[in-house]
Amino acid sequence: MSSEDTKRFDNSEEEPEGDAGETRQLNILPPQVDGGTVILVGSLVPKRLRVVMPDMSELVFDNLAPHLTVGRRSNIATRHIDIDMEDFDQGVFGVSRFHAMIIPDERYGLIIKDMQSTNGTFVNGKRVKSNDTYPLANGDFVKFGNLKVQLFFEAGK
């Protein structure tokens, strides 16, 4: 692993908030035509999601439906948290108890929705507006408050 790889997960550096109005070019495959017959391209939803956490540990999710929740576990919260940032955040780095959701989407593969978090959700430095969704791509860096993870889509078995 290069020092550049390590630096990418250094959560102490500030990133520019980016322009939330920017659009992302998506590589969506059109239906293919074979002699007048339309062949639909398979789902863009990955079979598996691998999340590289701030300490370089990994979480792997084979079941993405109906969504994955990101946040911090809490003694007072009753909501289930799939990607628990408590061990990294401990109330210091700005991750809300119910921060965001990662949602399978047939059109885009996976999308992320900020759940009115206090300190925001950022995809590759661009802020996701509260309650808006934003398409994710393989290898994206996502910052919840000031903690950064990287997402990898996998085909699975």
N, C-alpha and C. Protein backbone atom coordinates (compact mmCIF):
# COMPACT_ATOMS: atom_id res chain seq x y z
N MET A 1 0.86 -1.19 0.00
CA MET A 1 0.00 0.00 0.00
C MET A 1 0.89 1.23 0.00
N SER A 2 0.60 2.16 -0.84
CA SER A 2 1.40 3.38 -0.94
C SER A 2 0.97 4.38 0.12
N SER A 3 1.81 5.37 0.37
CA SER A 3 1.45 6.41 1.33
C SER A 3 0.26 7.21 0.83
N GLU A 4 0.09 7.26 -0.51
CA GLU A 4 -1.06 7.97 -1.06
C GLU A 4 -2.35 7.27 -0.66
N ASP A 5 -2.33 5.90 -0.67
CA ASP A 5 -3.52 5.16 -0.26
C ASP A 5 -3.86 5.45 1.19
N THR A 6 -2.83 5.50 2.04
CA THR A 6 -3.06 5.78 3.44
C THR A 6 -3.62 7.19 3.61
N LYS A 7 -3.07 8.13 2.88
CA LYS A 7 -3.50 9.52 3.01
C LYS A 7 -4.96 9.70 2.63
N ARG A 8 -5.45 8.89 1.69
CA ARG A 8 -6.83 9.04 1.27
C ARG A 8 -7.79 8.80 2.43
N PHE A 9 -7.34 8.05 3.43
CA PHE A 9 -8.21 7.76 4.55
C PHE A 9 -7.88 8.60 5.77
N ASP A 10 -7.03 9.59 5.61
CA ASP A 10 -6.72 10.50 6.70
C ASP A 10 -7.90 11.44 6.88
N ASN A 11 -8.70 11.19 7.90
CA ASN A 11 -9.94 11.94 8.09
C ASN A 11 -9.73 13.30 8.74
N SER A 12 -8.47 13.67 8.98
CA SER A 12 -8.24 14.96 9.62
C SER A 12 -8.16 16.09 8.60
N GLU A 13 -7.96 15.77 7.34
CA GLU A 13 -7.86 16.81 6.32
C GLU A 13 -9.23 17.29 5.90
N GLU A 14 -9.36 18.58 5.71
CA GLU A 14 -10.62 19.13 5.23
C GLU A 14 -10.69 18.99 3.73
N GLU A 15 -11.89 18.72 3.25
CA GLU A 15 -12.13 18.67 1.82
C GLU A 15 -13.04 19.82 1.45
N PRO A 16 -12.91 20.33 0.26
CA PRO A 16 -13.86 21.35 -0.16
C PRO A 16 -15.24 20.74 -0.25
N GLU A 17 -16.23 21.53 0.08
CA GLU A 17 -17.59 21.02 0.04
C GLU A 17 -18.05 20.72 -1.37
N GLY A 18 -17.45 21.32 -2.35
CA GLY A 18 -17.84 21.05 -3.73
C GLY A 18 -19.13 21.75 -4.07
N ASP A 19 -19.52 21.61 -5.30
CA ASP A 19 -20.74 22.23 -5.80
C ASP A 19 -21.83 21.18 -5.82
N ALA A 20 -22.78 21.28 -4.88
CA ALA A 20 -23.85 20.29 -4.80
C ALA A 20 -24.70 20.28 -6.05
N GLY A 21 -24.63 21.34 -6.86
CA GLY A 21 -25.42 21.39 -8.07
C GLY A 21 -24.77 20.68 -9.25
N GLU A 22 -23.51 20.22 -9.07
CA GLU A 22 -22.84 19.53 -10.16
C GLU A 22 -23.53 18.21 -10.45
N THR A 23 -23.49 17.81 -11.70
CA THR A 23 -24.08 16.54 -12.06
C THR A 23 -22.99 15.53 -12.34
N ARG A 24 -23.32 14.28 -12.20
CA ARG A 24 -22.38 13.20 -12.44
C ARG A 24 -22.78 12.50 -13.73
N GLN A 25 -21.80 12.26 -14.59
CA GLN A 25 -22.08 11.53 -15.80
C GLN A 25 -22.13 10.05 -15.45
N LEU A 26 -23.22 9.41 -15.80
CA LEU A 26 -23.40 8.00 -15.49
C LEU A 26 -23.25 7.19 -16.76
N ASN A 27 -22.62 6.06 -16.63
CA ASN A 27 -22.45 5.18 -17.77
C ASN A 27 -23.54 4.12 -17.72
N ILE A 28 -24.73 4.50 -18.13
CA ILE A 28 -25.87 3.59 -18.13
C ILE A 28 -25.95 2.94 -19.50
N LEU A 29 -25.96 1.63 -19.50
CA LEU A 29 -26.00 0.92 -20.77
C LEU A 29 -27.41 0.93 -21.35
N PRO A 30 -27.55 1.26 -22.62
CA PRO A 30 -28.88 1.24 -23.24
C PRO A 30 -29.27 -0.20 -23.56
N PRO A 31 -30.57 -0.46 -23.74
CA PRO A 31 -30.97 -1.80 -24.17
C PRO A 31 -30.30 -2.10 -25.51
N GLN A 32 -29.97 -3.35 -25.71
CA GLN A 32 -29.33 -3.75 -26.96
C GLN A 32 -30.38 -4.33 -27.90
N VAL A 33 -30.21 -4.10 -29.19
CA VAL A 33 -31.16 -4.59 -30.18
C VAL A 33 -30.49 -5.68 -31.00
N ASP A 34 -31.17 -6.82 -31.13
CA ASP A 34 -30.66 -7.95 -31.90
C ASP A 34 -31.73 -8.35 -32.91
N GLY A 35 -31.60 -7.87 -34.15
CA GLY A 35 -32.57 -8.23 -35.18
C GLY A 35 -33.98 -7.78 -34.86
N GLY A 36 -34.13 -6.60 -34.28
CA GLY A 36 -35.46 -6.10 -33.96
C GLY A 36 -35.94 -6.50 -32.58
N THR A 37 -35.21 -7.38 -31.88
CA THR A 37 -35.58 -7.79 -30.53
C THR A 37 -34.77 -6.97 -29.54
N VAL A 38 -35.45 -6.37 -28.57
CA VAL A 38 -34.76 -5.59 -27.54
C VAL A 38 -34.31 -6.54 -26.45
N ILE A 39 -33.02 -6.49 -26.14
CA ILE A 39 -32.45 -7.30 -25.07
C ILE A 39 -32.16 -6.36 -23.91
N LEU A 40 -32.82 -6.57 -22.80
CA LEU A 40 -32.63 -5.69 -21.65
C LEU A 40 -31.32 -6.05 -20.94
N VAL A 41 -30.58 -5.03 -20.60
CA VAL A 41 -29.33 -5.20 -19.87
C VAL A 41 -29.69 -5.49 -18.42
N GLY A 42 -28.93 -6.36 -17.76
CA GLY A 42 -29.21 -6.74 -16.38
C GLY A 42 -29.18 -5.57 -15.41
N SER A 43 -29.60 -5.84 -14.21
CA SER A 43 -29.66 -4.82 -13.17
C SER A 43 -28.28 -4.22 -12.92
N LEU A 44 -28.26 -2.94 -12.64
CA LEU A 44 -27.01 -2.25 -12.30
C LEU A 44 -26.69 -2.36 -10.81
N VAL A 45 -27.62 -2.91 -10.02
CA VAL A 45 -27.41 -3.05 -8.57
C VAL A 45 -26.33 -4.11 -8.35
N PRO A 46 -25.26 -3.76 -7.64
CA PRO A 46 -24.22 -4.76 -7.39
C PRO A 46 -24.73 -5.87 -6.47
N LYS A 47 -24.15 -7.04 -6.60
CA LYS A 47 -24.53 -8.17 -5.73
C LYS A 47 -23.97 -8.00 -4.33
N ARG A 48 -22.87 -7.27 -4.24
CA ARG A 48 -22.19 -7.13 -2.95
C ARG A 48 -21.59 -5.73 -2.87
N LEU A 49 -21.59 -5.17 -1.65
CA LEU A 49 -20.95 -3.88 -1.39
C LEU A 49 -19.87 -4.10 -0.35
N ARG A 50 -18.66 -3.63 -0.66
CA ARG A 50 -17.55 -3.69 0.28
C ARG A 50 -17.24 -2.27 0.71
N VAL A 51 -17.24 -2.05 2.03
CA VAL A 51 -17.00 -0.73 2.60
C VAL A 51 -15.66 -0.76 3.34
N VAL A 52 -14.71 0.06 2.88
CA VAL A 52 -13.42 0.17 3.56
C VAL A 52 -13.55 1.31 4.57
N MET A 53 -13.44 0.94 5.85
CA MET A 53 -13.66 1.86 6.95
C MET A 53 -12.42 2.74 7.18
N PRO A 54 -12.54 3.77 8.05
CA PRO A 54 -11.41 4.68 8.30
C PRO A 54 -10.14 3.99 8.80
N ASP A 55 -10.27 2.85 9.49
CA ASP A 55 -9.08 2.14 9.98
C ASP A 55 -8.60 1.07 9.01
N MET A 56 -9.16 1.08 7.77
CA MET A 56 -8.84 0.14 6.70
C MET A 56 -9.47 -1.24 6.90
N SER A 57 -10.25 -1.44 7.96
CA SER A 57 -11.02 -2.67 8.07
C SER A 57 -12.13 -2.63 7.03
N GLU A 58 -12.73 -3.78 6.76
CA GLU A 58 -13.75 -3.83 5.71
C GLU A 58 -15.04 -4.45 6.24
N LEU A 59 -16.14 -3.91 5.76
CA LEU A 59 -17.45 -4.50 5.97
C LEU A 59 -17.95 -4.95 4.61
N VAL A 60 -18.55 -6.15 4.55
CA VAL A 60 -19.06 -6.66 3.28
C VAL A 60 -20.54 -6.96 3.46
N PHE A 61 -21.34 -6.44 2.53
CA PHE A 61 -22.79 -6.63 2.57
C PHE A 61 -23.24 -7.38 1.33
N ASP A 62 -23.82 -8.56 1.55
CA ASP A 62 -24.38 -9.36 0.45
C ASP A 62 -25.85 -9.06 0.24
N ASN A 63 -26.49 -8.49 1.24
CA ASN A 63 -27.91 -8.15 1.14
C ASN A 63 -28.04 -6.63 1.28
N LEU A 64 -28.36 -5.98 0.18
CA LEU A 64 -28.44 -4.51 0.17
C LEU A 64 -29.87 -4.01 0.32
N ALA A 65 -30.84 -4.91 0.22
CA ALA A 65 -32.25 -4.51 0.23
C ALA A 65 -32.80 -4.52 1.65
N PRO A 66 -33.72 -3.64 1.99
CA PRO A 66 -34.22 -2.55 1.15
C PRO A 66 -33.24 -1.37 1.13
N HIS A 67 -32.32 -1.30 2.13
CA HIS A 67 -31.30 -0.24 2.17
C HIS A 67 -30.32 -0.56 3.29
N LEU A 68 -29.21 0.15 3.31
CA LEU A 68 -28.25 0.08 4.41
C LEU A 68 -28.27 1.43 5.12
N THR A 69 -28.27 1.40 6.43
CA THR A 69 -28.26 2.65 7.19
C THR A 69 -26.84 2.92 7.69
N VAL A 70 -26.48 4.20 7.71
CA VAL A 70 -25.17 4.64 8.18
C VAL A 70 -25.41 5.58 9.36
N GLY A 71 -24.66 5.38 10.43
CA GLY A 71 -24.81 6.26 11.59
C GLY A 71 -23.98 5.77 12.76
N ARG A 72 -24.44 6.14 13.96
CA ARG A 72 -23.79 5.73 15.20
C ARG A 72 -24.81 5.02 16.07
N ARG A 73 -24.42 3.88 16.61
CA ARG A 73 -25.33 3.22 17.56
C ARG A 73 -25.44 4.10 18.80
N SER A 74 -26.55 3.99 19.46
CA SER A 74 -26.79 4.83 20.62
C SER A 74 -27.68 4.08 21.58
N ASN A 75 -27.52 4.36 22.87
CA ASN A 75 -28.39 3.74 23.87
C ASN A 75 -29.82 4.22 23.74
N ILE A 76 -30.02 5.41 23.18
CA ILE A 76 -31.38 5.94 23.08
C ILE A 76 -32.02 5.70 21.72
N ALA A 77 -31.21 5.37 20.72
CA ALA A 77 -31.76 5.17 19.37
C ALA A 77 -32.27 3.74 19.23
N THR A 78 -33.41 3.59 18.60
CA THR A 78 -33.98 2.26 18.38
C THR A 78 -33.76 1.78 16.96
N ARG A 79 -33.24 2.62 16.11
CA ARG A 79 -33.03 2.28 14.69
C ARG A 79 -31.80 1.37 14.54
N HIS A 80 -31.93 0.36 13.68
CA HIS A 80 -30.80 -0.52 13.37
C HIS A 80 -29.81 0.23 12.47
N ILE A 81 -28.53 0.13 12.78
CA ILE A 81 -27.48 0.78 11.99
C ILE A 81 -26.63 -0.32 11.36
N ASP A 82 -26.55 -0.33 10.02
CA ASP A 82 -25.76 -1.34 9.31
C ASP A 82 -24.28 -0.96 9.28
N ILE A 83 -23.99 0.28 8.93
CA ILE A 83 -22.61 0.77 8.88
C ILE A 83 -22.44 1.69 10.08
N ASP A 84 -21.93 1.09 11.17
CA ASP A 84 -21.86 1.78 12.46
C ASP A 84 -20.52 2.50 12.59
N MET A 85 -20.57 3.81 12.69
CA MET A 85 -19.36 4.63 12.77
C MET A 85 -18.98 4.99 14.21
N GLU A 86 -19.70 4.46 15.19
CA GLU A 86 -19.49 4.84 16.59
C GLU A 86 -18.04 4.62 17.05
N ASP A 87 -17.44 3.50 16.71
CA ASP A 87 -16.07 3.22 17.16
C ASP A 87 -15.07 4.23 16.62
N PHE A 88 -15.38 4.83 15.49
CA PHE A 88 -14.48 5.81 14.88
C PHE A 88 -14.85 7.24 15.30
N ASP A 89 -16.13 7.48 15.51
CA ASP A 89 -16.63 8.83 15.75
C ASP A 89 -16.65 9.21 17.22
N GLN A 90 -17.30 8.41 18.04
CA GLN A 90 -17.48 8.65 19.47
C GLN A 90 -17.98 10.06 19.75
N GLY A 91 -18.84 10.55 18.87
CA GLY A 91 -19.45 11.86 19.06
C GLY A 91 -18.54 13.03 18.73
N VAL A 92 -17.36 12.77 18.13
CA VAL A 92 -16.37 13.81 17.89
C VAL A 92 -16.31 14.25 16.43
N PHE A 93 -16.48 13.33 15.49
CA PHE A 93 -16.24 13.63 14.08
C PHE A 93 -17.49 13.95 13.28
N GLY A 94 -18.59 14.17 13.94
CA GLY A 94 -19.76 14.70 13.26
C GLY A 94 -20.66 13.71 12.55
N VAL A 95 -20.61 12.43 12.93
CA VAL A 95 -21.52 11.46 12.33
C VAL A 95 -22.80 11.45 13.16
N SER A 96 -23.92 11.66 12.50
CA SER A 96 -25.22 11.66 13.19
C SER A 96 -25.63 10.23 13.52
N ARG A 97 -26.53 10.09 14.49
CA ARG A 97 -27.02 8.75 14.85
C ARG A 97 -27.66 8.05 13.65
N PHE A 98 -28.46 8.77 12.89
CA PHE A 98 -29.06 8.24 11.65
C PHE A 98 -28.62 9.20 10.55
N HIS A 99 -27.48 8.92 9.96
CA HIS A 99 -26.80 9.89 9.09
C HIS A 99 -27.25 9.79 7.63
N ALA A 100 -27.25 8.58 7.08
CA ALA A 100 -27.52 8.42 5.65
C ALA A 100 -28.03 7.01 5.38
N MET A 101 -28.56 6.84 4.16
CA MET A 101 -28.97 5.51 3.70
C MET A 101 -28.33 5.25 2.34
N ILE A 102 -27.91 4.02 2.12
CA ILE A 102 -27.44 3.57 0.81
C ILE A 102 -28.54 2.65 0.28
N ILE A 103 -29.07 3.00 -0.89
CA ILE A 103 -30.29 2.37 -1.39
C ILE A 103 -30.03 1.75 -2.77
N PRO A 104 -30.37 0.46 -2.96
CA PRO A 104 -30.28 -0.13 -4.29
C PRO A 104 -31.25 0.58 -5.24
N ASP A 105 -30.80 0.80 -6.46
CA ASP A 105 -31.62 1.51 -7.44
C ASP A 105 -31.37 0.89 -8.81
N GLU A 106 -32.43 0.42 -9.45
CA GLU A 106 -32.29 -0.27 -10.74
C GLU A 106 -31.68 0.61 -11.81
N ARG A 107 -31.90 1.89 -11.74
CA ARG A 107 -31.39 2.79 -12.78
C ARG A 107 -29.92 3.15 -12.58
N TYR A 108 -29.52 3.38 -11.34
CA TYR A 108 -28.17 3.86 -11.06
C TYR A 108 -27.27 2.83 -10.37
N GLY A 109 -27.81 1.75 -9.89
CA GLY A 109 -27.04 0.77 -9.13
C GLY A 109 -27.24 1.01 -7.65
N LEU A 110 -26.54 1.99 -7.10
CA LEU A 110 -26.73 2.39 -5.71
C LEU A 110 -26.81 3.90 -5.65
N ILE A 111 -27.65 4.39 -4.76
CA ILE A 111 -27.74 5.82 -4.50
C ILE A 111 -27.56 6.04 -3.00
N ILE A 112 -27.17 7.24 -2.63
CA ILE A 112 -27.04 7.58 -1.22
C ILE A 112 -28.00 8.72 -0.92
N LYS A 113 -28.59 8.68 0.26
CA LYS A 113 -29.51 9.73 0.69
C LYS A 113 -29.06 10.24 2.05
N ASP A 114 -28.84 11.54 2.15
CA ASP A 114 -28.51 12.17 3.42
C ASP A 114 -29.81 12.33 4.21
N MET A 115 -29.82 11.87 5.46
CA MET A 115 -31.03 11.88 6.28
C MET A 115 -31.05 13.07 7.24
N GLN A 116 -30.87 14.25 6.69
CA GLN A 116 -30.85 15.49 7.47
C GLN A 116 -29.76 15.46 8.54
N SER A 117 -28.60 14.93 8.16
CA SER A 117 -27.50 14.87 9.11
C SER A 117 -27.02 16.28 9.45
N THR A 118 -26.47 16.42 10.62
CA THR A 118 -25.99 17.72 11.08
C THR A 118 -24.78 18.20 10.28
N ASN A 119 -23.85 17.30 9.99
CA ASN A 119 -22.58 17.70 9.38
C ASN A 119 -22.40 17.25 7.93
N GLY A 120 -23.44 16.72 7.34
CA GLY A 120 -23.43 16.45 5.91
C GLY A 120 -22.83 15.13 5.48
N THR A 121 -23.17 14.78 4.24
CA THR A 121 -22.65 13.62 3.54
C THR A 121 -22.01 14.13 2.25
N PHE A 122 -20.81 13.64 1.95
CA PHE A 122 -20.07 14.10 0.78
C PHE A 122 -19.65 12.90 -0.05
N VAL A 123 -19.84 12.98 -1.36
CA VAL A 123 -19.37 11.94 -2.28
C VAL A 123 -18.27 12.55 -3.12
N ASN A 124 -17.06 12.04 -2.95
CA ASN A 124 -15.88 12.57 -3.66
C ASN A 124 -15.78 14.09 -3.51
N GLY A 125 -16.05 14.57 -2.29
CA GLY A 125 -15.92 15.99 -1.98
C GLY A 125 -17.14 16.84 -2.30
N LYS A 126 -18.16 16.27 -2.93
CA LYS A 126 -19.36 17.03 -3.28
C LYS A 126 -20.46 16.74 -2.26
N ARG A 127 -21.01 17.78 -1.69
CA ARG A 127 -22.03 17.61 -0.66
C ARG A 127 -23.34 17.10 -1.26
N VAL A 128 -23.94 16.12 -0.59
CA VAL A 128 -25.26 15.63 -0.95
C VAL A 128 -26.26 16.47 -0.15
N LYS A 129 -27.16 17.14 -0.84
CA LYS A 129 -28.14 17.96 -0.14
C LYS A 129 -28.99 17.09 0.77
N SER A 130 -29.38 17.66 1.91
CA SER A 130 -30.21 16.96 2.88
C SER A 130 -31.48 16.45 2.22
N ASN A 131 -31.79 15.19 2.46
CA ASN A 131 -32.97 14.49 1.92
C ASN A 131 -32.91 14.25 0.42
N ASP A 132 -31.83 14.63 -0.25
CA ASP A 132 -31.66 14.34 -1.68
C ASP A 132 -30.91 13.02 -1.84
N THR A 133 -31.02 12.45 -3.04
CA THR A 133 -30.25 11.26 -3.35
C THR A 133 -29.17 11.61 -4.36
N TYR A 134 -28.12 10.79 -4.38
CA TYR A 134 -27.00 11.02 -5.27
C TYR A 134 -26.49 9.65 -5.71
N PRO A 135 -26.25 9.45 -7.01
CA PRO A 135 -25.78 8.14 -7.47
C PRO A 135 -24.35 7.86 -7.02
N LEU A 136 -24.11 6.61 -6.68
CA LEU A 136 -22.78 6.18 -6.27
C LEU A 136 -22.12 5.38 -7.39
N ALA A 137 -20.80 5.37 -7.40
CA ALA A 137 -20.05 4.58 -8.38
C ALA A 137 -18.98 3.78 -7.64
N ASN A 138 -18.57 2.70 -8.26
CA ASN A 138 -17.53 1.86 -7.70
C ASN A 138 -16.28 2.70 -7.41
N GLY A 139 -15.76 2.57 -6.19
CA GLY A 139 -14.55 3.28 -5.80
C GLY A 139 -14.78 4.65 -5.20
N ASP A 140 -16.03 5.09 -5.11
CA ASP A 140 -16.32 6.41 -4.54
C ASP A 140 -15.83 6.52 -3.10
N PHE A 141 -15.37 7.73 -2.76
CA PHE A 141 -15.07 8.08 -1.37
C PHE A 141 -16.29 8.81 -0.83
N VAL A 142 -16.78 8.37 0.32
CA VAL A 142 -17.95 9.00 0.93
C VAL A 142 -17.55 9.43 2.33
N LYS A 143 -17.84 10.69 2.63
CA LYS A 143 -17.54 11.25 3.95
C LYS A 143 -18.84 11.47 4.69
N PHE A 144 -18.94 10.90 5.88
CA PHE A 144 -20.08 11.10 6.77
C PHE A 144 -19.57 12.00 7.88
N GLY A 145 -20.03 13.25 7.92
CA GLY A 145 -19.41 14.22 8.83
C GLY A 145 -17.97 14.38 8.41
N ASN A 146 -17.04 14.01 9.30
CA ASN A 146 -15.61 14.09 8.97
C ASN A 146 -14.93 12.73 8.90
N LEU A 147 -15.71 11.66 8.74
CA LEU A 147 -15.14 10.32 8.62
C LEU A 147 -15.34 9.81 7.20
N LYS A 148 -14.26 9.34 6.60
CA LYS A 148 -14.30 8.94 5.19
C LYS A 148 -14.21 7.42 5.06
N VAL A 149 -15.03 6.87 4.15
CA VAL A 149 -14.98 5.46 3.78
C VAL A 149 -14.86 5.39 2.26
N GLN A 150 -14.52 4.21 1.76
CA GLN A 150 -14.51 4.01 0.31
C GLN A 150 -15.41 2.81 0.00
N LEU A 151 -16.18 2.93 -1.08
CA LEU A 151 -17.15 1.90 -1.45
C LEU A 151 -16.70 1.17 -2.71
N PHE A 152 -16.82 -0.16 -2.68
CA PHE A 152 -16.51 -0.98 -3.84
C PHE A 152 -17.69 -1.89 -4.15
N PHE A 153 -18.09 -1.90 -5.41
CA PHE A 153 -19.18 -2.76 -5.87
C PHE A 153 -18.55 -4.06 -6.36
N GLU A 154 -19.17 -5.17 -5.99
CA GLU A 154 -18.66 -6.47 -6.42
C GLU A 154 -19.79 -7.30 -7.00
N ALA A 155 -19.42 -8.16 -7.94
CA ALA A 155 -20.41 -8.98 -8.62
C ALA A 155 -20.96 -10.08 -7.72
N GLY A 156 -20.19 -10.56 -6.77
CA GLY A 156 -20.66 -11.62 -5.88
C GLY A 156 -20.65 -12.96 -6.58
N LYS A 157 -21.25 -13.94 -5.91
CA LYS A 157 -21.27 -15.31 -6.46
C LYS A 157 -22.66 -15.71 -6.81
